[in-house]
Amino acid sequence: MSIRAIVSDFGGVLTSPLIESFARFQDEAGIPLEALGTAMARIGERDGANPLFALECGHMTEQDFLGRIGAQLREDLGRDVEMHTFTERYWGHLRPNEPLIALMRELRDRGYRMALLTNNVREWEPRWRAMLPVDEIFEVVVDSAFVGMRKPEPAIYRLTCERLGVEASQCLFIDDIEVNCAAARAIGMTAVHFRDDEQAIREIGAALGGARDQPDA
């Protein structure tokens, strides 16, 4: 069955690498990156749920999330940590990935059905929508924070297919996290693990058969 739809991740595919923004926050705030991971793991062990997962599923507010992380870091590092500046610093270093945005626009113009599937934060929606022409390119947007589930849960991929009106086998999925790609493949999607622009554009072209015309209806 030919591919009729493109499902793209947001952060790390249509933006600069997320790790770069985390690293800049680390440098400016003086918080080791591994300390953030350790703090989230300890909160998860204590509360029975990873706070990042709860945040991305809309079960926790951004303010609550940052408060919990800040308190845990204070306990772990023995000093106060200003997590309230995290959002501004993080977004201040995130940039649109113009080559991939241009490719998404081209694929839309070639007649592919287009969806954006993102693990995100409810309070961040105005920020990421302002970074690229979301509604111009994508007819379907599935944001984890508004649907109560996140990648790599199979249900969020199935919901995206349902909203597009296509079968999973008709979708090409692009994401910068391999476990998310593996989950997409498990339900029948074709997936490209984004590592850099040149590699991703090449592999997307190969997955689409190199055709320059519109997909079959």
N, C-alpha and C. Protein backbone atom coordinates (compact mmCIF):
# COMPACT_ATOMS: atom_id res chain seq x y z
N MET A 1 0.85 -1.19 0.00
CA MET A 1 0.00 0.00 0.00
C MET A 1 0.89 1.24 0.00
N SER A 2 0.61 2.19 -0.90
CA SER A 2 1.46 3.37 -1.02
C SER A 2 1.24 4.34 0.13
N ILE A 3 2.28 5.13 0.40
CA ILE A 3 2.19 6.12 1.47
C ILE A 3 1.37 7.32 0.99
N ARG A 4 0.39 7.68 1.81
CA ARG A 4 -0.50 8.80 1.50
C ARG A 4 -0.36 9.93 2.50
N ALA A 5 0.25 9.64 3.66
CA ALA A 5 0.28 10.65 4.73
C ALA A 5 1.66 10.74 5.37
N ILE A 6 2.01 11.94 5.80
CA ILE A 6 3.26 12.22 6.51
C ILE A 6 2.90 12.64 7.93
N VAL A 7 3.52 11.99 8.91
CA VAL A 7 3.30 12.33 10.32
C VAL A 7 4.66 12.74 10.90
N SER A 8 4.79 14.00 11.25
CA SER A 8 6.08 14.51 11.73
C SER A 8 6.01 14.89 13.20
N ASP A 9 7.11 14.62 13.89
CA ASP A 9 7.34 15.14 15.23
C ASP A 9 7.62 16.64 15.12
N PHE A 10 7.55 17.34 16.26
CA PHE A 10 7.88 18.76 16.29
C PHE A 10 9.31 18.98 16.79
N GLY A 11 9.51 18.88 18.11
CA GLY A 11 10.81 19.20 18.69
C GLY A 11 11.91 18.25 18.29
N GLY A 12 13.00 18.78 17.76
CA GLY A 12 14.13 17.96 17.34
C GLY A 12 14.08 17.55 15.89
N VAL A 13 12.93 17.74 15.25
CA VAL A 13 12.80 17.47 13.81
C VAL A 13 12.55 18.80 13.09
N LEU A 14 11.50 19.49 13.47
CA LEU A 14 11.19 20.78 12.86
C LEU A 14 11.83 21.94 13.62
N THR A 15 12.61 21.59 14.66
CA THR A 15 13.38 22.59 15.40
C THR A 15 14.83 22.15 15.49
N SER A 16 15.66 23.02 16.02
CA SER A 16 17.03 22.63 16.36
C SER A 16 16.98 21.51 17.41
N PRO A 17 18.06 20.74 17.57
CA PRO A 17 18.05 19.63 18.52
C PRO A 17 17.70 20.08 19.94
N LEU A 18 16.80 19.33 20.57
CA LEU A 18 16.37 19.69 21.93
C LEU A 18 17.53 19.64 22.92
N ILE A 19 18.46 18.72 22.70
CA ILE A 19 19.58 18.58 23.62
C ILE A 19 20.41 19.86 23.68
N GLU A 20 20.43 20.61 22.58
CA GLU A 20 21.18 21.87 22.57
C GLU A 20 20.55 22.89 23.50
N SER A 21 19.20 22.94 23.50
CA SER A 21 18.52 23.89 24.39
C SER A 21 18.69 23.48 25.84
N PHE A 22 18.62 22.16 26.13
CA PHE A 22 18.85 21.69 27.48
C PHE A 22 20.28 22.01 27.92
N ALA A 23 21.23 21.84 27.01
CA ALA A 23 22.63 22.10 27.34
C ALA A 23 22.87 23.58 27.64
N ARG A 24 22.21 24.45 26.87
CA ARG A 24 22.37 25.89 27.12
C ARG A 24 21.76 26.26 28.47
N PHE A 25 20.61 25.65 28.79
CA PHE A 25 20.01 25.89 30.11
C PHE A 25 20.95 25.41 31.21
N GLN A 26 21.54 24.25 30.99
CA GLN A 26 22.50 23.70 31.96
C GLN A 26 23.64 24.67 32.19
N ASP A 27 24.19 25.21 31.11
CA ASP A 27 25.32 26.12 31.24
C ASP A 27 24.94 27.42 31.96
N GLU A 28 23.77 27.96 31.61
CA GLU A 28 23.36 29.25 32.17
C GLU A 28 22.90 29.13 33.62
N ALA A 29 22.24 27.99 33.94
CA ALA A 29 21.71 27.82 35.30
C ALA A 29 22.68 27.10 36.22
N GLY A 30 23.73 26.52 35.65
CA GLY A 30 24.70 25.80 36.46
C GLY A 30 24.15 24.50 37.03
N ILE A 31 23.23 23.87 36.29
CA ILE A 31 22.64 22.61 36.73
C ILE A 31 23.11 21.50 35.79
N PRO A 32 23.83 20.51 36.29
CA PRO A 32 24.26 19.41 35.41
C PRO A 32 23.06 18.74 34.77
N LEU A 33 23.17 18.44 33.48
CA LEU A 33 22.05 17.83 32.76
C LEU A 33 21.64 16.51 33.40
N GLU A 34 22.62 15.74 33.85
CA GLU A 34 22.30 14.46 34.47
C GLU A 34 21.54 14.65 35.78
N ALA A 35 21.73 15.81 36.42
CA ALA A 35 21.00 16.08 37.67
C ALA A 35 19.51 16.21 37.42
N LEU A 36 19.13 16.78 36.26
CA LEU A 36 17.71 16.88 35.92
C LEU A 36 17.10 15.49 35.77
N GLY A 37 17.82 14.61 35.06
CA GLY A 37 17.33 13.25 34.88
C GLY A 37 17.21 12.50 36.20
N THR A 38 18.21 12.68 37.06
CA THR A 38 18.18 12.02 38.36
C THR A 38 17.02 12.52 39.20
N ALA A 39 16.78 13.83 39.16
CA ALA A 39 15.68 14.41 39.93
C ALA A 39 14.34 13.85 39.47
N MET A 40 14.14 13.76 38.14
CA MET A 40 12.87 13.22 37.63
C MET A 40 12.71 11.75 38.00
N ALA A 41 13.81 10.99 37.96
CA ALA A 41 13.75 9.57 38.32
C ALA A 41 13.37 9.41 39.79
N ARG A 42 13.92 10.24 40.65
CA ARG A 42 13.62 10.13 42.08
C ARG A 42 12.17 10.53 42.38
N ILE A 43 11.69 11.54 41.69
CA ILE A 43 10.28 11.92 41.86
C ILE A 43 9.38 10.79 41.37
N GLY A 44 9.75 10.18 40.25
CA GLY A 44 8.98 9.08 39.72
C GLY A 44 8.92 7.89 40.66
N GLU A 45 10.05 7.59 41.29
CA GLU A 45 10.09 6.49 42.24
C GLU A 45 9.23 6.78 43.47
N ARG A 46 9.25 8.02 43.90
CA ARG A 46 8.48 8.41 45.09
C ARG A 46 6.98 8.49 44.81
N ASP A 47 6.63 9.07 43.66
CA ASP A 47 5.22 9.33 43.35
C ASP A 47 4.57 8.24 42.51
N GLY A 48 5.40 7.33 41.96
CA GLY A 48 4.84 6.25 41.15
C GLY A 48 4.60 6.62 39.71
N ALA A 49 5.04 7.81 39.28
CA ALA A 49 4.86 8.23 37.88
C ALA A 49 5.94 9.24 37.53
N ASN A 50 6.52 9.10 36.34
CA ASN A 50 7.51 10.05 35.87
C ASN A 50 6.85 11.42 35.69
N PRO A 51 7.35 12.47 36.33
CA PRO A 51 6.69 13.77 36.23
C PRO A 51 6.66 14.34 34.82
N LEU A 52 7.68 14.01 34.01
CA LEU A 52 7.68 14.48 32.63
C LEU A 52 6.54 13.86 31.85
N PHE A 53 6.29 12.55 32.07
CA PHE A 53 5.19 11.89 31.38
C PHE A 53 3.86 12.51 31.79
N ALA A 54 3.71 12.79 33.08
CA ALA A 54 2.47 13.40 33.56
C ALA A 54 2.29 14.79 32.96
N LEU A 55 3.38 15.55 32.87
CA LEU A 55 3.33 16.89 32.27
C LEU A 55 2.90 16.81 30.82
N GLU A 56 3.52 15.89 30.07
CA GLU A 56 3.24 15.79 28.63
C GLU A 56 1.87 15.20 28.33
N CYS A 57 1.26 14.55 29.30
CA CYS A 57 -0.10 14.03 29.11
C CYS A 57 -1.16 14.99 29.65
N GLY A 58 -0.73 16.16 30.10
CA GLY A 58 -1.66 17.15 30.59
C GLY A 58 -2.20 16.86 31.97
N HIS A 59 -1.54 15.94 32.72
CA HIS A 59 -1.99 15.58 34.06
C HIS A 59 -1.31 16.41 35.14
N MET A 60 -0.38 17.26 34.74
CA MET A 60 0.35 18.11 35.69
C MET A 60 0.60 19.44 35.01
N THR A 61 0.47 20.53 35.75
CA THR A 61 0.74 21.84 35.18
C THR A 61 2.24 22.08 35.08
N GLU A 62 2.61 22.98 34.22
CA GLU A 62 4.02 23.36 34.09
C GLU A 62 4.55 23.89 35.43
N GLN A 63 3.75 24.70 36.10
CA GLN A 63 4.18 25.27 37.38
C GLN A 63 4.44 24.19 38.42
N ASP A 64 3.55 23.21 38.49
CA ASP A 64 3.71 22.12 39.44
C ASP A 64 4.96 21.30 39.10
N PHE A 65 5.14 21.03 37.80
CA PHE A 65 6.30 20.26 37.35
C PHE A 65 7.60 20.95 37.75
N LEU A 66 7.72 22.24 37.44
CA LEU A 66 8.95 22.96 37.75
C LEU A 66 9.16 23.08 39.25
N GLY A 67 8.07 23.21 39.99
CA GLY A 67 8.19 23.27 41.45
C GLY A 67 8.73 21.98 42.04
N ARG A 68 8.22 20.85 41.53
CA ARG A 68 8.68 19.56 42.03
C ARG A 68 10.15 19.30 41.66
N ILE A 69 10.49 19.64 40.41
CA ILE A 69 11.89 19.45 39.99
C ILE A 69 12.81 20.34 40.80
N GLY A 70 12.41 21.60 41.01
CA GLY A 70 13.24 22.51 41.78
C GLY A 70 13.46 22.04 43.21
N ALA A 71 12.40 21.53 43.84
CA ALA A 71 12.52 21.04 45.22
C ALA A 71 13.44 19.82 45.29
N GLN A 72 13.34 18.92 44.29
CA GLN A 72 14.18 17.74 44.29
C GLN A 72 15.64 18.11 44.03
N LEU A 73 15.87 19.06 43.13
CA LEU A 73 17.23 19.50 42.86
C LEU A 73 17.83 20.19 44.09
N ARG A 74 17.01 20.94 44.80
CA ARG A 74 17.50 21.57 46.03
C ARG A 74 17.96 20.52 47.03
N GLU A 75 17.18 19.45 47.13
CA GLU A 75 17.54 18.35 48.04
C GLU A 75 18.80 17.64 47.56
N ASP A 76 18.89 17.41 46.24
CA ASP A 76 20.02 16.66 45.70
C ASP A 76 21.31 17.47 45.69
N LEU A 77 21.21 18.76 45.34
CA LEU A 77 22.40 19.59 45.15
C LEU A 77 22.76 20.41 46.38
N GLY A 78 21.83 20.49 47.33
CA GLY A 78 22.11 21.25 48.55
C GLY A 78 22.11 22.74 48.37
N ARG A 79 21.38 23.24 47.36
CA ARG A 79 21.29 24.68 47.13
C ARG A 79 20.00 24.99 46.38
N ASP A 80 19.58 26.23 46.44
CA ASP A 80 18.38 26.64 45.72
C ASP A 80 18.64 26.64 44.22
N VAL A 81 17.62 26.23 43.46
CA VAL A 81 17.71 26.18 42.00
C VAL A 81 16.55 26.97 41.42
N GLU A 82 16.85 27.91 40.54
CA GLU A 82 15.81 28.77 39.96
C GLU A 82 15.20 28.12 38.71
N MET A 83 14.30 27.17 38.93
CA MET A 83 13.66 26.49 37.80
C MET A 83 12.62 27.35 37.10
N HIS A 84 12.19 28.44 37.75
CA HIS A 84 11.16 29.28 37.12
C HIS A 84 11.68 29.95 35.85
N THR A 85 13.00 29.97 35.65
CA THR A 85 13.55 30.55 34.43
C THR A 85 13.74 29.51 33.33
N PHE A 86 13.43 28.25 33.62
CA PHE A 86 13.70 27.18 32.67
C PHE A 86 13.02 27.41 31.33
N THR A 87 11.72 27.70 31.35
CA THR A 87 10.96 27.80 30.10
C THR A 87 11.52 28.89 29.19
N GLU A 88 11.76 30.07 29.74
CA GLU A 88 12.28 31.16 28.92
C GLU A 88 13.65 30.83 28.35
N ARG A 89 14.50 30.23 29.15
CA ARG A 89 15.84 29.88 28.67
C ARG A 89 15.77 28.78 27.62
N TYR A 90 14.96 27.78 27.88
CA TYR A 90 14.83 26.66 26.94
C TYR A 90 14.33 27.14 25.58
N TRP A 91 13.25 27.89 25.59
CA TRP A 91 12.69 28.36 24.33
C TRP A 91 13.56 29.44 23.68
N GLY A 92 14.32 30.14 24.47
CA GLY A 92 15.18 31.17 23.93
C GLY A 92 16.27 30.63 23.02
N HIS A 93 16.58 29.34 23.16
CA HIS A 93 17.64 28.75 22.34
C HIS A 93 17.11 27.77 21.29
N LEU A 94 15.80 27.62 21.21
CA LEU A 94 15.21 26.70 20.22
C LEU A 94 14.96 27.47 18.93
N ARG A 95 15.34 26.87 17.80
CA ARG A 95 15.19 27.54 16.52
C ARG A 95 14.47 26.64 15.51
N PRO A 96 13.73 27.24 14.56
CA PRO A 96 13.09 26.44 13.51
C PRO A 96 14.15 25.75 12.65
N ASN A 97 13.86 24.52 12.25
CA ASN A 97 14.74 23.79 11.34
C ASN A 97 14.19 24.01 9.93
N GLU A 98 14.68 25.04 9.28
CA GLU A 98 14.10 25.48 8.01
C GLU A 98 14.11 24.42 6.90
N PRO A 99 15.20 23.62 6.74
CA PRO A 99 15.17 22.61 5.68
C PRO A 99 14.04 21.59 5.84
N LEU A 100 13.77 21.17 7.06
CA LEU A 100 12.69 20.19 7.26
C LEU A 100 11.33 20.84 7.15
N ILE A 101 11.20 22.08 7.58
CA ILE A 101 9.94 22.80 7.40
C ILE A 101 9.64 22.97 5.92
N ALA A 102 10.68 23.31 5.14
CA ALA A 102 10.50 23.45 3.70
C ALA A 102 10.09 22.12 3.06
N LEU A 103 10.68 21.02 3.53
CA LEU A 103 10.31 19.71 3.00
C LEU A 103 8.86 19.39 3.33
N MET A 104 8.42 19.69 4.56
CA MET A 104 7.02 19.44 4.93
C MET A 104 6.07 20.22 4.03
N ARG A 105 6.43 21.46 3.74
CA ARG A 105 5.60 22.28 2.86
C ARG A 105 5.56 21.69 1.45
N GLU A 106 6.70 21.20 0.99
CA GLU A 106 6.76 20.58 -0.34
C GLU A 106 5.89 19.33 -0.40
N LEU A 107 5.95 18.52 0.66
CA LEU A 107 5.16 17.29 0.68
C LEU A 107 3.67 17.60 0.72
N ARG A 108 3.30 18.63 1.44
CA ARG A 108 1.90 19.07 1.43
C ARG A 108 1.48 19.47 0.02
N ASP A 109 2.34 20.25 -0.67
CA ASP A 109 2.03 20.70 -2.02
C ASP A 109 1.94 19.54 -3.01
N ARG A 110 2.63 18.44 -2.71
CA ARG A 110 2.58 17.27 -3.58
C ARG A 110 1.35 16.40 -3.32
N GLY A 111 0.56 16.78 -2.35
CA GLY A 111 -0.71 16.11 -2.13
C GLY A 111 -0.77 15.13 -0.98
N TYR A 112 0.29 15.06 -0.18
CA TYR A 112 0.26 14.15 0.96
C TYR A 112 -0.61 14.74 2.07
N ARG A 113 -1.31 13.88 2.77
CA ARG A 113 -2.01 14.28 3.99
C ARG A 113 -0.94 14.53 5.04
N MET A 114 -1.12 15.57 5.85
CA MET A 114 -0.05 16.00 6.75
C MET A 114 -0.55 16.08 8.19
N ALA A 115 0.24 15.49 9.10
CA ALA A 115 -0.09 15.55 10.53
C ALA A 115 1.15 15.86 11.34
N LEU A 116 0.96 16.59 12.43
CA LEU A 116 2.00 16.85 13.41
C LEU A 116 1.64 16.08 14.67
N LEU A 117 2.55 15.23 15.13
CA LEU A 117 2.33 14.43 16.33
C LEU A 117 3.43 14.76 17.33
N THR A 118 3.08 15.42 18.42
CA THR A 118 4.09 15.94 19.33
C THR A 118 3.80 15.60 20.79
N ASN A 119 4.84 15.19 21.51
CA ASN A 119 4.79 15.15 22.97
C ASN A 119 5.13 16.55 23.45
N ASN A 120 4.18 17.20 24.11
CA ASN A 120 4.42 18.60 24.42
C ASN A 120 3.78 18.99 25.74
N VAL A 121 3.84 20.26 26.06
CA VAL A 121 3.34 20.81 27.31
C VAL A 121 2.19 21.75 26.99
N ARG A 122 1.08 21.60 27.70
CA ARG A 122 -0.11 22.38 27.40
C ARG A 122 0.19 23.89 27.36
N GLU A 123 0.94 24.37 28.35
CA GLU A 123 1.21 25.81 28.42
C GLU A 123 2.15 26.29 27.33
N TRP A 124 2.81 25.36 26.65
CA TRP A 124 3.77 25.75 25.62
C TRP A 124 3.14 25.87 24.23
N GLU A 125 1.88 25.53 24.08
CA GLU A 125 1.28 25.54 22.74
C GLU A 125 1.45 26.86 22.01
N PRO A 126 1.20 28.03 22.62
CA PRO A 126 1.40 29.28 21.88
C PRO A 126 2.83 29.47 21.40
N ARG A 127 3.80 28.98 22.19
CA ARG A 127 5.21 29.14 21.82
C ARG A 127 5.55 28.32 20.58
N TRP A 128 5.18 27.02 20.58
CA TRP A 128 5.63 26.22 19.43
C TRP A 128 4.82 26.52 18.18
N ARG A 129 3.57 26.90 18.34
CA ARG A 129 2.79 27.27 17.16
C ARG A 129 3.33 28.53 16.51
N ALA A 130 3.93 29.40 17.31
CA ALA A 130 4.49 30.64 16.78
C ALA A 130 5.80 30.42 16.03
N MET A 131 6.39 29.23 16.17
CA MET A 131 7.70 28.97 15.55
C MET A 131 7.61 28.56 14.09
N LEU A 132 6.46 28.04 13.66
CA LEU A 132 6.35 27.59 12.28
C LEU A 132 4.90 27.67 11.83
N PRO A 133 4.66 27.64 10.51
CA PRO A 133 3.30 27.78 10.00
C PRO A 133 2.52 26.47 10.15
N VAL A 134 2.13 26.15 11.37
CA VAL A 134 1.52 24.86 11.67
C VAL A 134 0.27 24.62 10.82
N ASP A 135 -0.67 25.55 10.88
CA ASP A 135 -1.95 25.32 10.20
C ASP A 135 -1.83 25.41 8.69
N GLU A 136 -0.81 26.09 8.20
CA GLU A 136 -0.58 26.14 6.75
C GLU A 136 -0.14 24.78 6.22
N ILE A 137 0.67 24.07 7.00
CA ILE A 137 1.26 22.82 6.54
C ILE A 137 0.47 21.59 6.99
N PHE A 138 0.01 21.59 8.24
CA PHE A 138 -0.56 20.37 8.82
C PHE A 138 -2.08 20.49 8.99
N GLU A 139 -2.79 19.52 8.44
CA GLU A 139 -4.25 19.52 8.58
C GLU A 139 -4.68 18.89 9.91
N VAL A 140 -3.81 18.09 10.51
CA VAL A 140 -4.10 17.43 11.77
C VAL A 140 -2.94 17.71 12.73
N VAL A 141 -3.28 18.10 13.95
CA VAL A 141 -2.29 18.27 15.01
C VAL A 141 -2.73 17.45 16.21
N VAL A 142 -1.87 16.52 16.64
CA VAL A 142 -2.14 15.72 17.83
C VAL A 142 -1.07 16.05 18.85
N ASP A 143 -1.49 16.73 19.91
CA ASP A 143 -0.60 17.20 20.97
C ASP A 143 -0.89 16.35 22.21
N SER A 144 0.14 15.67 22.71
CA SER A 144 -0.04 14.76 23.84
C SER A 144 -0.74 15.42 25.02
N ALA A 145 -0.43 16.69 25.28
CA ALA A 145 -0.96 17.37 26.46
C ALA A 145 -2.47 17.58 26.38
N PHE A 146 -3.03 17.48 25.17
CA PHE A 146 -4.46 17.70 25.00
C PHE A 146 -5.23 16.41 24.74
N VAL A 147 -4.53 15.30 24.51
CA VAL A 147 -5.22 14.03 24.27
C VAL A 147 -4.98 13.02 25.39
N GLY A 148 -4.13 13.37 26.36
CA GLY A 148 -3.94 12.54 27.53
C GLY A 148 -3.12 11.29 27.32
N MET A 149 -2.34 11.23 26.25
CA MET A 149 -1.44 10.11 26.00
C MET A 149 -0.26 10.63 25.20
N ARG A 150 0.81 9.84 25.16
CA ARG A 150 2.04 10.34 24.56
C ARG A 150 2.75 9.22 23.80
N LYS A 151 3.60 9.64 22.86
CA LYS A 151 4.49 8.67 22.23
C LYS A 151 5.42 8.10 23.30
N PRO A 152 5.72 6.82 23.31
CA PRO A 152 5.44 5.81 22.28
C PRO A 152 4.20 4.95 22.54
N GLU A 153 3.17 5.46 23.19
CA GLU A 153 1.95 4.68 23.40
C GLU A 153 1.28 4.44 22.05
N PRO A 154 0.97 3.18 21.71
CA PRO A 154 0.37 2.89 20.40
C PRO A 154 -0.91 3.68 20.13
N ALA A 155 -1.69 3.96 21.16
CA ALA A 155 -2.98 4.61 20.96
C ALA A 155 -2.85 6.00 20.35
N ILE A 156 -1.76 6.72 20.63
CA ILE A 156 -1.64 8.07 20.09
C ILE A 156 -1.33 8.04 18.59
N TYR A 157 -0.64 6.99 18.14
CA TYR A 157 -0.40 6.82 16.70
C TYR A 157 -1.71 6.46 16.00
N ARG A 158 -2.48 5.58 16.62
CA ARG A 158 -3.76 5.17 16.03
C ARG A 158 -4.72 6.34 15.96
N LEU A 159 -4.72 7.18 16.99
CA LEU A 159 -5.57 8.37 16.97
C LEU A 159 -5.18 9.29 15.81
N THR A 160 -3.89 9.46 15.59
CA THR A 160 -3.42 10.30 14.49
C THR A 160 -3.89 9.76 13.15
N CYS A 161 -3.76 8.46 12.95
CA CYS A 161 -4.23 7.84 11.70
C CYS A 161 -5.73 8.03 11.53
N GLU A 162 -6.46 7.85 12.62
CA GLU A 162 -7.92 8.01 12.58
C GLU A 162 -8.30 9.42 12.17
N ARG A 163 -7.62 10.40 12.73
CA ARG A 163 -7.94 11.79 12.40
C ARG A 163 -7.55 12.14 10.97
N LEU A 164 -6.53 11.48 10.45
CA LEU A 164 -6.13 11.67 9.05
C LEU A 164 -7.05 10.91 8.10
N GLY A 165 -7.69 9.86 8.59
CA GLY A 165 -8.54 9.03 7.74
C GLY A 165 -7.74 8.09 6.87
N VAL A 166 -6.59 7.60 7.38
CA VAL A 166 -5.75 6.69 6.62
C VAL A 166 -5.36 5.50 7.49
N GLU A 167 -4.90 4.43 6.85
CA GLU A 167 -4.37 3.28 7.58
C GLU A 167 -2.94 3.57 8.02
N ALA A 168 -2.51 2.88 9.07
CA ALA A 168 -1.13 3.06 9.55
C ALA A 168 -0.13 2.74 8.45
N SER A 169 -0.43 1.74 7.64
CA SER A 169 0.49 1.33 6.57
C SER A 169 0.62 2.38 5.48
N GLN A 170 -0.24 3.39 5.50
CA GLN A 170 -0.18 4.47 4.51
C GLN A 170 0.55 5.70 5.05
N CYS A 171 1.15 5.59 6.24
CA CYS A 171 1.79 6.73 6.89
C CYS A 171 3.31 6.59 6.95
N LEU A 172 3.98 7.70 6.72
CA LEU A 172 5.41 7.81 6.97
C LEU A 172 5.59 8.70 8.19
N PHE A 173 6.24 8.18 9.22
CA PHE A 173 6.43 8.87 10.48
C PHE A 173 7.89 9.29 10.63
N ILE A 174 8.11 10.53 11.10
CA ILE A 174 9.47 11.05 11.30
C ILE A 174 9.60 11.54 12.73
N ASP A 175 10.64 11.07 13.44
CA ASP A 175 10.85 11.45 14.84
C ASP A 175 12.34 11.35 15.15
N ASP A 176 12.80 12.16 16.11
CA ASP A 176 14.22 12.13 16.47
C ASP A 176 14.53 11.16 17.59
N ILE A 177 13.53 10.42 18.08
CA ILE A 177 13.73 9.43 19.14
C ILE A 177 13.41 8.05 18.60
N GLU A 178 14.37 7.14 18.64
CA GLU A 178 14.21 5.84 18.01
C GLU A 178 13.07 5.03 18.62
N VAL A 179 12.88 5.10 19.94
CA VAL A 179 11.80 4.32 20.55
C VAL A 179 10.45 4.75 20.01
N ASN A 180 10.29 6.02 19.68
CA ASN A 180 9.05 6.48 19.08
C ASN A 180 8.88 5.94 17.67
N CYS A 181 9.99 5.84 16.94
CA CYS A 181 9.94 5.26 15.60
C CYS A 181 9.61 3.77 15.66
N ALA A 182 10.21 3.07 16.63
CA ALA A 182 9.94 1.64 16.78
C ALA A 182 8.47 1.39 17.08
N ALA A 183 7.87 2.24 17.91
CA ALA A 183 6.45 2.08 18.22
C ALA A 183 5.59 2.32 16.99
N ALA A 184 5.99 3.27 16.16
CA ALA A 184 5.25 3.52 14.92
C ALA A 184 5.33 2.32 13.98
N ARG A 185 6.52 1.77 13.85
CA ARG A 185 6.68 0.59 12.99
C ARG A 185 5.84 -0.58 13.51
N ALA A 186 5.74 -0.69 14.82
CA ALA A 186 5.02 -1.82 15.42
C ALA A 186 3.54 -1.82 15.05
N ILE A 187 2.97 -0.65 14.74
CA ILE A 187 1.57 -0.62 14.34
C ILE A 187 1.41 -0.55 12.82
N GLY A 188 2.54 -0.64 12.10
CA GLY A 188 2.47 -0.72 10.64
C GLY A 188 2.91 0.49 9.87
N MET A 189 3.34 1.54 10.56
CA MET A 189 3.84 2.73 9.86
C MET A 189 5.25 2.50 9.32
N THR A 190 5.61 3.22 8.28
CA THR A 190 7.00 3.36 7.89
C THR A 190 7.58 4.49 8.72
N ALA A 191 8.81 4.35 9.20
CA ALA A 191 9.37 5.38 10.08
C ALA A 191 10.79 5.73 9.69
N VAL A 192 11.11 7.02 9.81
CA VAL A 192 12.46 7.53 9.61
C VAL A 192 12.92 8.14 10.93
N HIS A 193 14.03 7.62 11.44
CA HIS A 193 14.62 8.17 12.67
C HIS A 193 15.49 9.35 12.28
N PHE A 194 15.05 10.55 12.61
CA PHE A 194 15.79 11.77 12.27
C PHE A 194 17.06 11.87 13.11
N ARG A 195 18.19 12.01 12.43
CA ARG A 195 19.46 12.26 13.11
C ARG A 195 20.09 13.57 12.64
N ASP A 196 19.97 13.87 11.36
CA ASP A 196 20.39 15.16 10.85
C ASP A 196 19.61 15.42 9.56
N ASP A 197 19.68 16.65 9.08
CA ASP A 197 18.86 17.04 7.93
C ASP A 197 19.15 16.20 6.69
N GLU A 198 20.43 16.09 6.33
CA GLU A 198 20.79 15.39 5.11
C GLU A 198 20.32 13.94 5.14
N GLN A 199 20.59 13.26 6.25
CA GLN A 199 20.18 11.85 6.39
C GLN A 199 18.67 11.71 6.32
N ALA A 200 17.96 12.57 7.05
CA ALA A 200 16.50 12.45 7.11
C ALA A 200 15.86 12.74 5.76
N ILE A 201 16.31 13.79 5.10
CA ILE A 201 15.74 14.13 3.79
C ILE A 201 15.99 13.01 2.79
N ARG A 202 17.18 12.42 2.84
CA ARG A 202 17.50 11.30 1.95
C ARG A 202 16.59 10.10 2.23
N GLU A 203 16.42 9.76 3.51
CA GLU A 203 15.64 8.58 3.86
C GLU A 203 14.14 8.80 3.64
N ILE A 204 13.68 10.02 3.84
CA ILE A 204 12.28 10.32 3.54
C ILE A 204 12.03 10.16 2.05
N GLY A 205 12.95 10.69 1.23
CA GLY A 205 12.81 10.54 -0.22
C GLY A 205 12.79 9.09 -0.64
N ALA A 206 13.67 8.29 -0.04
CA ALA A 206 13.72 6.86 -0.38
C ALA A 206 12.43 6.15 0.03
N ALA A 207 11.90 6.52 1.20
CA ALA A 207 10.67 5.89 1.68
C ALA A 207 9.49 6.22 0.77
N LEU A 208 9.52 7.39 0.15
CA LEU A 208 8.45 7.80 -0.74
C LEU A 208 8.71 7.37 -2.17
N GLY A 209 9.78 6.61 -2.39
CA GLY A 209 10.07 6.09 -3.71
C GLY A 209 10.73 7.09 -4.63
N GLY A 210 11.11 8.24 -4.10
CA GLY A 210 11.79 9.24 -4.92
C GLY A 210 10.89 9.94 -5.89
N ALA A 211 9.57 9.69 -5.79
CA ALA A 211 8.63 10.29 -6.75
C ALA A 211 8.48 11.79 -6.48
N ARG A 212 8.37 12.57 -7.51
CA ARG A 212 8.19 14.01 -7.36
C ARG A 212 6.75 14.42 -7.58
N ASP A 213 5.90 13.50 -8.07
CA ASP A 213 4.51 13.84 -8.30
C ASP A 213 3.69 13.55 -7.05
N GLN A 214 2.40 13.81 -7.13
CA GLN A 214 1.54 13.62 -5.98
C GLN A 214 1.29 12.15 -5.73
N PRO A 215 0.97 11.79 -4.48
CA PRO A 215 0.69 10.39 -4.15
C PRO A 215 -0.60 9.93 -4.77
N ASP A 216 -0.75 8.60 -4.82
CA ASP A 216 -2.02 8.06 -5.31
C ASP A 216 -3.15 8.45 -4.38
N ALA A 217 -4.30 8.67 -4.93
CA ALA A 217 -5.46 9.04 -4.12
C ALA A 217 -5.96 7.83 -3.35
